[in-house]
N, C-alpha and C. Protein backbone atom coordinates (compact mmCIF):
# COMPACT_ATOMS: atom_id res chain seq x y z
N MET A 1 65.12 147.68 92.76
CA MET A 1 64.94 149.01 92.22
C MET A 1 65.58 150.01 93.15
N LYS A 2 66.34 150.94 92.58
CA LYS A 2 66.99 151.99 93.36
C LYS A 2 66.08 153.21 93.42
N THR A 3 66.16 153.96 94.52
CA THR A 3 65.38 155.18 94.67
C THR A 3 66.32 156.37 94.59
N TYR A 4 65.96 157.34 93.78
CA TYR A 4 66.75 158.56 93.62
C TYR A 4 65.86 159.75 93.96
N LEU A 5 66.47 160.78 94.50
CA LEU A 5 65.75 162.01 94.83
C LEU A 5 66.25 163.11 93.90
N TYR A 6 65.34 163.75 93.20
CA TYR A 6 65.69 164.83 92.29
C TYR A 6 64.96 166.09 92.74
N SER A 7 65.60 167.21 92.56
CA SER A 7 64.93 168.48 92.83
C SER A 7 65.00 169.34 91.58
N MET A 8 63.95 170.07 91.32
CA MET A 8 63.89 170.94 90.14
C MET A 8 64.30 172.34 90.58
N ARG A 9 65.28 172.92 89.92
CA ARG A 9 65.75 174.25 90.27
C ARG A 9 65.45 175.24 89.16
N LYS A 10 64.35 175.09 88.51
CA LYS A 10 63.98 175.96 87.40
C LYS A 10 62.57 176.47 87.67
N ASN A 11 62.38 177.77 87.43
CA ASN A 11 61.03 178.31 87.57
C ASN A 11 60.20 177.82 86.39
N LEU A 12 59.06 177.27 86.67
CA LEU A 12 58.22 176.69 85.63
C LEU A 12 57.05 177.63 85.35
N LYS A 13 56.76 177.86 84.08
CA LYS A 13 55.74 178.83 83.71
C LYS A 13 54.33 178.24 83.66
N SER A 14 54.18 176.98 83.46
CA SER A 14 52.86 176.36 83.43
C SER A 14 53.03 174.88 83.68
N LYS A 15 51.94 174.13 83.56
CA LYS A 15 52.05 172.69 83.75
C LYS A 15 52.95 172.12 82.66
N MET A 16 53.97 171.41 83.07
CA MET A 16 54.91 170.81 82.13
C MET A 16 55.15 169.37 82.55
N VAL A 17 55.52 168.54 81.61
CA VAL A 17 55.84 167.15 81.90
C VAL A 17 57.32 166.98 81.66
N PHE A 18 58.00 166.33 82.59
CA PHE A 18 59.42 166.09 82.48
C PHE A 18 59.69 164.60 82.53
N ALA A 19 60.58 164.14 81.69
CA ALA A 19 61.05 162.76 81.75
C ALA A 19 62.51 162.83 82.17
N LEU A 20 62.86 162.16 83.23
CA LEU A 20 64.22 162.17 83.73
C LEU A 20 64.89 160.84 83.43
N ALA A 21 66.10 160.89 82.95
CA ALA A 21 66.88 159.68 82.73
C ALA A 21 68.08 159.74 83.64
N ALA A 22 68.35 158.69 84.38
CA ALA A 22 69.48 158.65 85.30
C ALA A 22 70.47 157.60 84.82
N MET A 23 71.74 157.91 84.94
CA MET A 23 72.78 156.96 84.57
C MET A 23 73.63 156.70 85.81
N ALA A 24 73.82 155.45 86.14
CA ALA A 24 74.65 155.10 87.29
C ALA A 24 76.11 155.09 86.81
N LEU A 25 76.92 155.92 87.39
CA LEU A 25 78.33 156.02 87.01
C LEU A 25 79.21 155.48 88.11
N LEU A 26 80.17 154.70 87.75
CA LEU A 26 81.14 154.19 88.70
C LEU A 26 82.51 154.42 88.08
N GLY A 27 83.27 155.33 88.68
CA GLY A 27 84.55 155.70 88.09
C GLY A 27 84.28 156.39 86.76
N SER A 28 84.93 155.93 85.70
CA SER A 28 84.71 156.53 84.39
C SER A 28 83.84 155.67 83.50
N ALA A 29 83.41 154.51 83.98
CA ALA A 29 82.60 153.60 83.16
C ALA A 29 81.13 153.79 83.48
N CYS A 30 80.30 153.70 82.47
CA CYS A 30 78.86 153.79 82.64
C CYS A 30 78.33 152.39 82.92
N HIS A 31 77.52 152.23 83.97
CA HIS A 31 77.02 150.93 84.37
C HIS A 31 75.52 150.81 84.21
N GLY A 32 74.96 151.37 83.16
CA GLY A 32 73.54 151.19 82.90
C GLY A 32 72.74 152.46 83.08
N THR A 33 71.52 152.42 82.67
CA THR A 33 70.61 153.55 82.80
C THR A 33 69.32 153.08 83.43
N GLU A 34 68.62 154.03 84.03
CA GLU A 34 67.30 153.76 84.58
C GLU A 34 66.39 154.89 84.19
N THR A 35 65.17 154.58 83.91
CA THR A 35 64.19 155.63 83.64
C THR A 35 63.48 155.94 84.94
N VAL A 36 63.34 157.22 85.23
CA VAL A 36 62.76 157.66 86.49
C VAL A 36 61.41 158.29 86.19
N THR A 37 60.42 157.93 86.94
CA THR A 37 59.09 158.50 86.79
C THR A 37 58.73 159.19 88.09
N ALA A 38 58.21 160.41 87.98
CA ALA A 38 57.79 161.14 89.18
C ALA A 38 56.44 160.61 89.63
N GLU A 39 56.36 160.20 90.89
CA GLU A 39 55.10 159.74 91.46
C GLU A 39 54.86 160.47 92.76
N PRO A 40 53.80 161.12 93.01
CA PRO A 40 52.71 161.35 92.07
C PRO A 40 53.19 162.25 90.93
N PRO A 41 52.39 162.39 89.86
CA PRO A 41 52.83 163.20 88.72
C PRO A 41 53.24 164.61 89.16
N LEU A 42 54.27 165.09 88.52
CA LEU A 42 54.82 166.41 88.84
C LEU A 42 53.87 167.50 88.36
N GLU A 43 53.43 168.33 89.28
CA GLU A 43 52.58 169.46 88.92
C GLU A 43 53.27 170.73 89.38
N THR A 44 53.12 171.77 88.59
CA THR A 44 53.77 173.04 88.92
C THR A 44 52.74 174.16 88.87
N GLN A 45 53.08 175.25 89.49
CA GLN A 45 52.27 176.45 89.42
C GLN A 45 53.12 177.54 88.82
N ALA A 46 52.52 178.36 88.00
CA ALA A 46 53.24 179.44 87.36
C ALA A 46 53.63 180.49 88.39
N ASP A 47 54.83 181.04 88.24
CA ASP A 47 55.30 182.15 89.08
C ASP A 47 54.72 183.43 88.51
N THR A 48 53.84 184.08 89.25
CA THR A 48 53.25 185.34 88.79
C THR A 48 53.58 186.50 89.72
N THR A 49 54.49 186.26 90.67
CA THR A 49 54.85 187.28 91.64
C THR A 49 56.01 188.13 91.12
N ALA A 50 55.82 189.43 91.08
CA ALA A 50 56.86 190.34 90.61
C ALA A 50 57.97 190.47 91.64
N PRO A 51 59.21 190.66 91.20
CA PRO A 51 60.30 190.89 92.14
C PRO A 51 60.17 192.27 92.79
N THR A 52 60.52 192.34 94.06
CA THR A 52 60.47 193.62 94.78
C THR A 52 61.81 193.88 95.45
N VAL A 53 62.13 195.15 95.66
CA VAL A 53 63.35 195.52 96.37
C VAL A 53 63.09 195.32 97.85
N VAL A 54 63.91 194.49 98.51
CA VAL A 54 63.73 194.22 99.94
C VAL A 54 64.73 194.96 100.81
N SER A 55 65.86 195.40 100.21
CA SER A 55 66.81 196.22 100.97
C SER A 55 67.66 197.04 100.01
N LYS A 56 68.16 198.16 100.54
CA LYS A 56 69.00 199.07 99.76
C LYS A 56 70.17 199.50 100.62
N THR A 57 71.33 199.67 99.99
CA THR A 57 72.50 200.18 100.70
C THR A 57 73.08 201.32 99.89
N PRO A 58 73.00 202.55 100.38
CA PRO A 58 72.46 202.96 101.68
C PRO A 58 70.93 202.94 101.69
N ASP A 59 70.38 203.01 102.90
CA ASP A 59 68.93 203.00 103.08
C ASP A 59 68.31 204.27 102.49
N ASP A 60 66.98 204.25 102.33
CA ASP A 60 66.26 205.43 101.90
C ASP A 60 66.49 206.55 102.92
N ASN A 61 66.85 207.71 102.45
CA ASN A 61 67.20 208.89 103.27
C ASN A 61 68.43 208.63 104.13
N GLY A 62 69.24 207.65 103.78
CA GLY A 62 70.46 207.33 104.51
C GLY A 62 71.64 208.13 104.00
N VAL A 63 72.83 207.75 104.48
CA VAL A 63 74.07 208.44 104.12
C VAL A 63 75.05 207.44 103.53
N LEU A 64 75.63 207.79 102.40
CA LEU A 64 76.70 207.02 101.78
C LEU A 64 78.01 207.66 102.18
N SER A 65 78.82 206.95 102.96
CA SER A 65 80.10 207.50 103.43
C SER A 65 81.12 207.48 102.30
N LEU A 66 81.76 208.63 102.08
CA LEU A 66 82.80 208.75 101.06
C LEU A 66 84.19 208.63 101.68
N GLY A 67 84.25 208.27 102.96
CA GLY A 67 85.55 208.20 103.62
C GLY A 67 86.13 209.60 103.74
N LEU A 68 87.41 209.75 103.47
CA LEU A 68 88.06 211.06 103.58
C LEU A 68 88.01 211.84 102.27
N SER A 69 87.42 211.28 101.25
CA SER A 69 87.40 211.92 99.93
C SER A 69 86.20 212.84 99.76
N LYS A 70 86.40 213.88 98.97
CA LYS A 70 85.29 214.77 98.60
C LYS A 70 84.50 214.18 97.44
N GLN A 71 85.17 213.37 96.62
CA GLN A 71 84.52 212.71 95.50
C GLN A 71 85.17 211.35 95.32
N VAL A 72 84.36 210.30 95.14
CA VAL A 72 84.90 208.95 95.02
C VAL A 72 83.94 208.08 94.21
N GLU A 73 84.51 207.10 93.50
CA GLU A 73 83.68 206.12 92.80
C GLU A 73 83.38 204.99 93.78
N LYS A 74 82.10 204.70 93.93
CA LYS A 74 81.67 203.65 94.86
C LYS A 74 80.50 202.90 94.26
N SER A 75 80.16 201.79 94.89
CA SER A 75 78.99 201.02 94.48
C SER A 75 77.94 201.04 95.58
N ILE A 76 76.70 201.14 95.17
CA ILE A 76 75.57 200.98 96.08
C ILE A 76 74.84 199.72 95.63
N GLN A 77 74.05 199.13 96.51
CA GLN A 77 73.37 197.88 96.18
C GLN A 77 71.89 197.94 96.49
N MET A 78 71.16 197.12 95.75
CA MET A 78 69.76 196.85 96.07
C MET A 78 69.56 195.35 95.97
N THR A 79 68.84 194.82 96.93
CA THR A 79 68.59 193.38 96.98
C THR A 79 67.12 193.13 96.71
N PHE A 80 66.85 192.18 95.83
CA PHE A 80 65.48 191.85 95.44
C PHE A 80 64.98 190.62 96.19
N SER A 81 63.68 190.40 96.11
CA SER A 81 63.03 189.28 96.79
C SER A 81 63.34 187.94 96.14
N GLU A 82 63.86 187.96 94.93
CA GLU A 82 64.19 186.75 94.19
C GLU A 82 65.23 187.08 93.14
N PRO A 83 65.89 186.09 92.55
CA PRO A 83 66.88 186.38 91.51
C PRO A 83 66.26 187.15 90.34
N VAL A 84 67.02 188.09 89.79
CA VAL A 84 66.53 188.94 88.70
C VAL A 84 67.55 189.03 87.57
N THR A 85 67.06 189.50 86.44
CA THR A 85 67.92 189.85 85.31
C THR A 85 67.61 191.28 84.92
N LEU A 86 68.58 191.94 84.30
CA LEU A 86 68.38 193.31 83.83
C LEU A 86 67.59 193.25 82.53
N ALA A 87 66.41 193.86 82.52
CA ALA A 87 65.53 193.80 81.35
C ALA A 87 65.65 195.06 80.50
N ASN A 88 65.83 196.22 81.12
CA ASN A 88 65.91 197.48 80.40
C ASN A 88 66.90 198.38 81.12
N LEU A 89 68.13 198.41 80.64
CA LEU A 89 69.20 199.16 81.31
C LEU A 89 68.90 200.66 81.39
N GLN A 90 68.23 201.20 80.38
CA GLN A 90 67.94 202.63 80.37
C GLN A 90 66.85 203.00 81.38
N ALA A 91 66.17 202.03 81.94
CA ALA A 91 65.08 202.29 82.88
C ALA A 91 65.55 202.34 84.33
N ILE A 92 66.86 202.17 84.54
CA ILE A 92 67.43 202.34 85.88
C ILE A 92 68.28 203.60 85.83
N LYS A 93 67.91 204.59 86.64
CA LYS A 93 68.54 205.91 86.55
C LYS A 93 68.93 206.42 87.93
N MET A 94 69.96 207.26 87.94
CA MET A 94 70.34 207.97 89.16
C MET A 94 70.48 209.44 88.81
N THR A 95 69.92 210.29 89.67
CA THR A 95 70.00 211.74 89.44
C THR A 95 70.48 212.43 90.71
N THR A 96 70.95 213.64 90.53
CA THR A 96 71.29 214.50 91.66
C THR A 96 70.79 215.89 91.34
N LEU A 97 70.65 216.72 92.35
CA LEU A 97 70.18 218.09 92.14
C LEU A 97 71.38 219.02 92.04
N GLU A 98 71.36 219.87 91.04
CA GLU A 98 72.41 220.87 90.84
C GLU A 98 71.76 222.24 90.91
N PRO A 99 72.43 223.22 91.56
CA PRO A 99 71.87 224.57 91.57
C PRO A 99 71.98 225.19 90.18
N ARG A 100 70.95 225.91 89.79
CA ARG A 100 71.00 226.68 88.56
C ARG A 100 71.28 228.12 88.95
N THR A 101 72.20 228.74 88.29
CA THR A 101 72.54 230.12 88.61
C THR A 101 72.57 230.94 87.33
N THR A 102 72.43 232.22 87.50
CA THR A 102 72.61 233.16 86.40
C THR A 102 73.65 234.18 86.84
N THR A 103 74.55 234.51 85.96
CA THR A 103 75.63 235.42 86.31
C THR A 103 75.62 236.61 85.35
N THR A 104 75.74 237.80 85.91
CA THR A 104 75.88 239.00 85.10
C THR A 104 77.35 239.37 85.13
N ALA A 105 78.03 239.29 83.98
CA ALA A 105 79.48 239.49 83.93
C ALA A 105 79.89 240.92 84.26
N LEU A 106 79.13 241.88 83.85
CA LEU A 106 79.51 243.27 84.07
C LEU A 106 79.55 243.63 85.55
N PHE A 107 78.59 243.18 86.31
CA PHE A 107 78.53 243.50 87.74
C PHE A 107 78.99 242.35 88.63
N ILE A 108 79.31 241.22 88.04
CA ILE A 108 79.75 240.02 88.74
C ILE A 108 78.79 239.67 89.88
N THR A 109 77.54 239.53 89.54
CA THR A 109 76.54 239.09 90.51
C THR A 109 76.06 237.70 90.11
N THR A 110 75.75 236.94 91.09
CA THR A 110 75.23 235.60 90.85
C THR A 110 73.89 235.48 91.55
N GLU A 111 72.90 235.01 90.82
CA GLU A 111 71.58 234.83 91.38
C GLU A 111 71.25 233.35 91.38
N ALA A 112 70.91 232.81 92.54
CA ALA A 112 70.57 231.38 92.64
C ALA A 112 69.14 231.17 92.18
N LEU A 113 68.96 230.19 91.32
CA LEU A 113 67.63 229.81 90.85
C LEU A 113 67.28 228.45 91.44
N ALA A 114 66.13 227.94 91.10
CA ALA A 114 65.72 226.63 91.59
C ALA A 114 66.71 225.56 91.11
N GLU A 115 66.80 224.47 91.87
CA GLU A 115 67.69 223.38 91.49
C GLU A 115 67.08 222.58 90.33
N THR A 116 67.95 221.94 89.58
CA THR A 116 67.50 221.11 88.48
C THR A 116 68.07 219.71 88.63
N SER A 117 67.33 218.72 88.19
CA SER A 117 67.76 217.33 88.29
C SER A 117 68.72 217.01 87.15
N VAL A 118 69.86 216.41 87.48
CA VAL A 118 70.89 216.09 86.50
C VAL A 118 71.16 214.59 86.56
N ALA A 119 71.23 213.94 85.40
CA ALA A 119 71.51 212.50 85.33
C ALA A 119 72.95 212.23 85.75
N VAL A 120 73.16 211.15 86.49
CA VAL A 120 74.49 210.72 86.92
C VAL A 120 74.84 209.46 86.13
N PRO A 121 76.00 209.44 85.44
CA PRO A 121 76.39 208.22 84.72
C PRO A 121 76.60 207.06 85.70
N ILE A 122 76.05 205.88 85.35
CA ILE A 122 76.14 204.71 86.24
C ILE A 122 76.55 203.48 85.45
N GLU A 123 77.09 202.50 86.18
CA GLU A 123 77.36 201.16 85.65
C GLU A 123 76.55 200.19 86.49
N LEU A 124 75.90 199.23 85.83
CA LEU A 124 75.07 198.25 86.52
C LEU A 124 75.69 196.87 86.43
N SER A 125 75.54 196.09 87.49
CA SER A 125 76.00 194.70 87.46
C SER A 125 75.17 193.87 88.44
N ILE A 126 75.02 192.60 88.10
CA ILE A 126 74.36 191.65 89.00
C ILE A 126 75.45 190.83 89.67
N ASP A 127 75.35 190.67 90.97
CA ASP A 127 76.33 189.90 91.73
C ASP A 127 76.36 188.47 91.18
N PRO A 128 77.53 187.98 90.71
CA PRO A 128 77.59 186.63 90.14
C PRO A 128 77.33 185.54 91.18
N ASN A 129 77.50 185.86 92.47
CA ASN A 129 77.27 184.88 93.52
C ASN A 129 75.87 184.93 94.11
N ASP A 130 75.12 186.00 93.79
CA ASP A 130 73.77 186.16 94.32
C ASP A 130 72.97 187.01 93.34
N ALA A 131 72.19 186.37 92.48
CA ALA A 131 71.45 187.07 91.43
C ALA A 131 70.31 187.92 91.97
N LYS A 132 70.19 188.03 93.30
CA LYS A 132 69.20 188.92 93.90
C LYS A 132 69.77 190.33 94.08
N VAL A 133 71.09 190.50 93.94
CA VAL A 133 71.75 191.76 94.26
C VAL A 133 72.23 192.47 92.99
N ILE A 134 71.76 193.70 92.80
CA ILE A 134 72.23 194.55 91.71
C ILE A 134 73.08 195.66 92.31
N SER A 135 74.25 195.89 91.73
CA SER A 135 75.13 196.98 92.16
C SER A 135 75.08 198.11 91.14
N ILE A 136 75.10 199.32 91.65
CA ILE A 136 75.17 200.51 90.82
C ILE A 136 76.46 201.23 91.20
N THR A 137 77.36 201.37 90.24
CA THR A 137 78.63 202.05 90.49
C THR A 137 78.59 203.42 89.82
N ALA A 138 79.03 204.44 90.57
CA ALA A 138 79.02 205.81 90.06
C ALA A 138 80.03 206.63 90.84
N SER A 139 80.25 207.85 90.38
CA SER A 139 81.10 208.80 91.09
C SER A 139 80.20 209.66 91.96
N PHE A 140 80.47 209.66 93.26
CA PHE A 140 79.66 210.39 94.22
C PHE A 140 80.45 211.57 94.77
N THR A 141 79.75 212.68 95.02
CA THR A 141 80.37 213.90 95.52
C THR A 141 79.79 214.24 96.88
N ASP A 142 80.66 214.73 97.76
CA ASP A 142 80.28 215.12 99.12
C ASP A 142 79.13 216.12 99.13
N ASP A 143 78.22 215.93 100.07
CA ASP A 143 77.12 216.84 100.34
C ASP A 143 76.13 216.96 99.19
N LYS A 144 75.93 215.88 98.46
CA LYS A 144 74.93 215.86 97.39
C LYS A 144 73.91 214.78 97.68
N LYS A 145 72.67 215.09 97.34
CA LYS A 145 71.58 214.13 97.48
C LYS A 145 71.39 213.43 96.14
N TYR A 146 71.28 212.10 96.18
CA TYR A 146 71.10 211.29 94.98
C TYR A 146 69.77 210.55 95.06
N THR A 147 69.15 210.34 93.91
CA THR A 147 67.91 209.57 93.83
C THR A 147 68.08 208.49 92.78
N VAL A 148 67.80 207.24 93.16
CA VAL A 148 67.84 206.10 92.25
C VAL A 148 66.40 205.75 91.90
N THR A 149 66.12 205.60 90.60
CA THR A 149 64.78 205.24 90.14
C THR A 149 64.85 203.99 89.28
N LEU A 150 64.05 203.01 89.63
CA LEU A 150 63.87 201.80 88.81
C LEU A 150 62.49 201.90 88.21
N GLU A 151 62.43 202.18 86.92
CA GLU A 151 61.13 202.25 86.26
C GLU A 151 60.54 200.85 86.18
N ALA A 152 59.23 200.78 86.02
CA ALA A 152 58.56 199.49 85.89
C ALA A 152 59.15 198.73 84.71
N GLY A 153 59.46 197.46 84.93
CA GLY A 153 60.01 196.62 83.87
C GLY A 153 61.51 196.75 83.66
N SER A 154 62.20 197.44 84.54
CA SER A 154 63.66 197.58 84.38
C SER A 154 64.38 196.29 84.72
N VAL A 155 63.81 195.49 85.62
CA VAL A 155 64.34 194.15 85.91
C VAL A 155 63.17 193.16 85.85
N GLN A 156 63.50 191.89 85.73
CA GLN A 156 62.47 190.87 85.77
C GLN A 156 63.03 189.64 86.47
N ASP A 157 62.12 188.85 87.03
CA ASP A 157 62.56 187.62 87.67
C ASP A 157 62.78 186.55 86.60
N LEU A 158 63.19 185.36 87.01
CA LEU A 158 63.52 184.31 86.06
C LEU A 158 62.31 183.79 85.29
N ALA A 159 61.10 184.08 85.79
CA ALA A 159 59.88 183.68 85.09
C ALA A 159 59.39 184.78 84.15
N GLY A 160 60.09 185.92 84.13
CA GLY A 160 59.71 187.01 83.24
C GLY A 160 58.79 188.04 83.85
N ASN A 161 58.53 187.97 85.15
CA ASN A 161 57.67 188.95 85.81
C ASN A 161 58.45 190.25 86.02
N PRO A 162 57.91 191.41 85.56
CA PRO A 162 58.62 192.68 85.70
C PRO A 162 58.41 193.30 87.07
N ASN A 163 59.37 194.14 87.47
CA ASN A 163 59.25 194.88 88.73
C ASN A 163 58.30 196.06 88.56
N ALA A 164 57.76 196.56 89.67
CA ALA A 164 56.99 197.80 89.68
C ALA A 164 57.97 198.95 89.89
N GLN A 165 57.58 200.17 89.52
CA GLN A 165 58.46 201.32 89.70
C GLN A 165 58.74 201.56 91.18
N THR A 166 59.98 201.90 91.48
CA THR A 166 60.37 202.23 92.85
C THR A 166 61.55 203.20 92.80
N SER A 167 61.73 203.95 93.87
CA SER A 167 62.88 204.86 93.93
C SER A 167 63.25 205.09 95.39
N TRP A 168 64.48 205.55 95.59
CA TRP A 168 64.93 205.93 96.92
C TRP A 168 66.02 206.98 96.80
N SER A 169 66.20 207.73 97.88
CA SER A 169 67.18 208.82 97.90
C SER A 169 68.12 208.67 99.08
N PHE A 170 69.32 209.21 98.92
CA PHE A 170 70.33 209.20 99.98
C PHE A 170 71.27 210.37 99.74
N THR A 171 72.10 210.67 100.74
CA THR A 171 73.07 211.75 100.64
C THR A 171 74.47 211.17 100.76
N ALA A 172 75.38 211.67 99.91
CA ALA A 172 76.79 211.28 100.00
C ALA A 172 77.47 212.26 100.94
N ALA A 173 78.32 211.75 101.83
CA ALA A 173 78.97 212.62 102.81
C ALA A 173 80.39 212.16 103.09
N GLN A 174 81.28 213.13 103.17
CA GLN A 174 82.66 212.87 103.54
C GLN A 174 82.72 212.63 105.05
N ALA A 175 83.58 211.70 105.44
CA ALA A 175 83.72 211.41 106.87
C ALA A 175 84.32 212.62 107.58
N PHE A 176 83.86 212.88 108.79
CA PHE A 176 84.38 214.00 109.58
C PHE A 176 85.44 213.49 110.53
N ILE A 177 86.61 214.09 110.45
CA ILE A 177 87.69 213.77 111.38
C ILE A 177 88.08 215.05 112.10
N PRO A 178 87.94 215.07 113.41
CA PRO A 178 88.27 216.30 114.15
C PRO A 178 89.76 216.64 114.03
N ASN A 179 90.04 217.92 114.03
CA ASN A 179 91.42 218.40 113.97
C ASN A 179 92.06 218.15 115.34
N PRO A 180 93.15 217.35 115.39
CA PRO A 180 93.74 217.03 116.68
C PRO A 180 94.41 218.23 117.35
N GLU A 181 94.62 219.32 116.60
CA GLU A 181 95.26 220.51 117.18
C GLU A 181 94.26 221.40 117.88
N VAL A 182 92.97 221.15 117.70
CA VAL A 182 91.94 221.97 118.33
C VAL A 182 91.53 221.31 119.64
N ASN A 183 91.57 222.08 120.72
CA ASN A 183 91.16 221.61 122.02
C ASN A 183 89.65 221.76 122.13
N PRO A 184 88.88 220.66 122.21
CA PRO A 184 87.43 220.79 122.28
C PRO A 184 86.96 221.57 123.51
N ASP A 185 87.72 221.52 124.62
CA ASP A 185 87.34 222.29 125.81
C ASP A 185 87.43 223.78 125.56
N ALA A 186 88.37 224.20 124.75
CA ALA A 186 88.52 225.63 124.44
C ALA A 186 87.34 226.12 123.62
N LEU A 187 86.75 225.26 122.79
CA LEU A 187 85.61 225.66 121.97
C LEU A 187 84.38 225.86 122.81
N THR A 188 84.18 225.06 123.84
CA THR A 188 82.98 225.20 124.67
C THR A 188 83.12 226.36 125.65
N ALA A 189 84.32 226.81 125.93
CA ALA A 189 84.51 227.90 126.88
C ALA A 189 84.22 229.25 126.25
N MET A 190 84.14 229.34 124.96
CA MET A 190 83.94 230.64 124.29
C MET A 190 82.57 231.16 124.49
């Protein structure tokens, strides 16, 4: 009798019974079959743990570098505790704050009002090489604060467990490059 080692790579929802059939292959010819029985009997436990975000790029209250551009399309990532699928695309949102102003044309005055939250168009994708990573691609503008919100149930793990609501914020910023024509010593002498 030959001994074979099998591993199950599927999340199991409850107690299930599996019958495995193995075929010994040599080259292109089939050389018989064997029925395999799991001993002791295979028992499983249901996965009831919800997926959680374990890391974000950029971090909460972090900075997303735009390089030398004032506005650029980039991707940000969030990594989950386990592989996930997108369950509700409309439940993953990104917003930014825009100033509200009122203008009087006759006197050309502008009055700043409170900021308002504005939705940012996004594209979502799951990394094909790592189903724990979701990328959000959008157009980011220098000196703006962005907030990403994942509503409850926006993603789920492979067993169908939904995520809890979570959010994080970051600021997009253009890289600073000093002007090589300015002498830094002259600035401190003033």
